[in-house]
Amino acid sequence: MLSIGMGNFIIALAKVIDIVLTVYMWIIVARALISWVNPDPYNKIVIFLYRVTEPVLRPIRRIIPRHNLPIDFAPLVVLLAIIFLQYFLVQTMIQAARGF
């Protein structure tokens, strides 16, 4: 009985992680889209997007310098990492939970 409950808990946790990753993916997409225009830096939505995404994007920008390129590849790297986590981590958790 305990193992069934543990399996359900892990599946629920995996689904919550999947939802959080999906929401963060859309936040990254929104951040990338607003970077194409000249957004008002005092807009609360713009401030939120920068505060939520910059701690993740900044270290990637240090690893992958732009070298005067007009394209910032950091959001793409984050999106690929999120997709990897969704397909590997979440799916592994669900498969492991079904083994309980």
Protein backbone atom coordinates (compact mmCIF):
# COMPACT_ATOMS: atom_id res chain seq x y z
CA MET A 1 0.00 0.00 0.00
CA LEU A 2 2.85 2.37 0.85
CA SER A 3 4.55 1.70 -2.48
CA ILE A 4 1.40 2.60 -4.44
CA GLY A 5 1.16 5.87 -2.56
CA MET A 6 4.85 6.57 -3.18
CA GLY A 7 4.43 5.85 -6.88
CA ASN A 8 1.48 8.24 -7.11
CA PHE A 9 3.45 10.88 -5.22
CA ILE A 10 6.39 10.62 -7.63
CA ILE A 11 4.07 10.81 -10.65
CA ALA A 12 2.34 13.88 -9.20
CA LEU A 13 5.71 15.48 -8.46
CA ALA A 14 6.89 14.74 -12.01
CA LYS A 15 3.77 16.35 -13.45
CA VAL A 16 4.22 19.46 -11.28
CA ILE A 17 7.85 19.72 -12.40
CA ASP A 18 6.70 19.36 -16.02
CA ILE A 19 4.18 22.19 -15.59
CA VAL A 20 6.74 24.45 -13.91
CA LEU A 21 9.23 23.79 -16.70
CA THR A 22 6.58 24.53 -19.34
CA VAL A 23 5.63 27.81 -17.67
CA TYR A 24 9.29 28.82 -17.41
CA MET A 25 9.78 27.92 -21.06
CA TRP A 26 7.02 30.36 -22.02
CA ILE A 27 8.53 33.02 -19.77
CA ILE A 28 11.84 32.59 -21.63
CA VAL A 29 10.00 32.87 -24.97
CA ALA A 30 8.26 36.06 -23.80
CA ARG A 31 11.59 37.50 -22.67
CA ALA A 32 13.13 36.73 -26.06
CA LEU A 33 10.19 38.30 -27.89
CA ILE A 34 10.29 41.54 -25.92
CA SER A 35 14.02 41.80 -26.59
CA TRP A 36 13.19 42.34 -30.27
CA VAL A 37 11.43 45.61 -29.47
CA ASN A 38 12.44 48.49 -27.25
CA PRO A 39 10.39 47.69 -24.13
CA ASP A 40 9.74 50.19 -21.38
CA PRO A 41 12.26 49.18 -18.68
CA TYR A 42 9.89 50.42 -15.97
CA ASN A 43 6.98 48.25 -17.08
CA LYS A 44 6.15 45.75 -14.34
CA ILE A 45 5.86 42.85 -16.79
CA VAL A 46 9.25 43.66 -18.31
CA ILE A 47 10.80 43.94 -14.84
CA PHE A 48 9.27 40.58 -13.87
CA LEU A 49 10.52 38.86 -17.03
CA TYR A 50 14.04 40.19 -16.54
CA ARG A 51 14.16 39.29 -12.83
CA VAL A 52 12.90 35.75 -13.43
CA THR A 53 15.05 34.95 -16.45
CA GLU A 54 18.29 36.85 -15.95
CA PRO A 55 19.67 34.57 -13.18
CA VAL A 56 19.46 31.64 -15.63
CA LEU A 57 20.49 33.47 -18.79
CA ARG A 58 23.47 35.40 -17.36
CA PRO A 59 25.68 32.34 -16.63
CA ILE A 60 24.95 30.93 -20.08
CA ARG A 61 25.93 34.23 -21.68
CA ARG A 62 29.26 34.02 -19.85
CA ILE A 63 29.86 30.54 -21.26
CA ILE A 64 28.66 31.39 -24.79
CA PRO A 65 29.93 34.89 -25.62
CA ARG A 66 28.16 36.74 -28.39
CA HIS A 67 31.29 38.04 -30.21
CA ASN A 68 29.32 41.00 -31.62
CA LEU A 69 26.61 38.74 -33.04
CA PRO A 70 23.13 40.25 -33.20
CA ILE A 71 21.58 37.04 -31.84
CA ASP A 72 21.57 36.00 -28.20
CA PHE A 73 21.72 32.20 -28.08
CA ALA A 74 21.25 31.96 -24.29
CA PRO A 75 17.43 31.66 -24.48
CA LEU A 76 17.77 28.88 -27.06
CA VAL A 77 20.18 26.99 -24.80
CA VAL A 78 17.77 27.33 -21.86
CA LEU A 79 14.84 26.15 -23.98
CA LEU A 80 16.82 23.09 -25.10
CA ALA A 81 17.77 22.36 -21.49
CA ILE A 82 14.12 22.60 -20.43
CA ILE A 83 13.05 20.24 -23.23
CA PHE A 84 15.80 17.82 -22.20
CA LEU A 85 14.61 17.91 -18.58
CA GLN A 86 11.02 17.33 -19.64
CA TYR A 87 11.88 14.33 -21.77
CA PHE A 88 14.56 12.84 -19.53
CA LEU A 89 13.92 13.82 -15.91
CA VAL A 90 10.13 13.91 -15.91
CA GLN A 91 9.72 10.78 -18.02
CA THR A 92 12.31 8.91 -15.92
CA MET A 93 10.46 9.87 -12.74
CA ILE A 94 7.17 8.62 -14.17
CA GLN A 95 8.70 5.34 -15.35
CA ALA A 96 10.38 4.83 -11.98
CA ALA A 97 7.11 5.52 -10.18
CA ARG A 98 5.32 2.90 -12.25
CA GLY A 99 7.85 0.39 -10.96
CA PHE A 100 6.64 0.85 -7.37
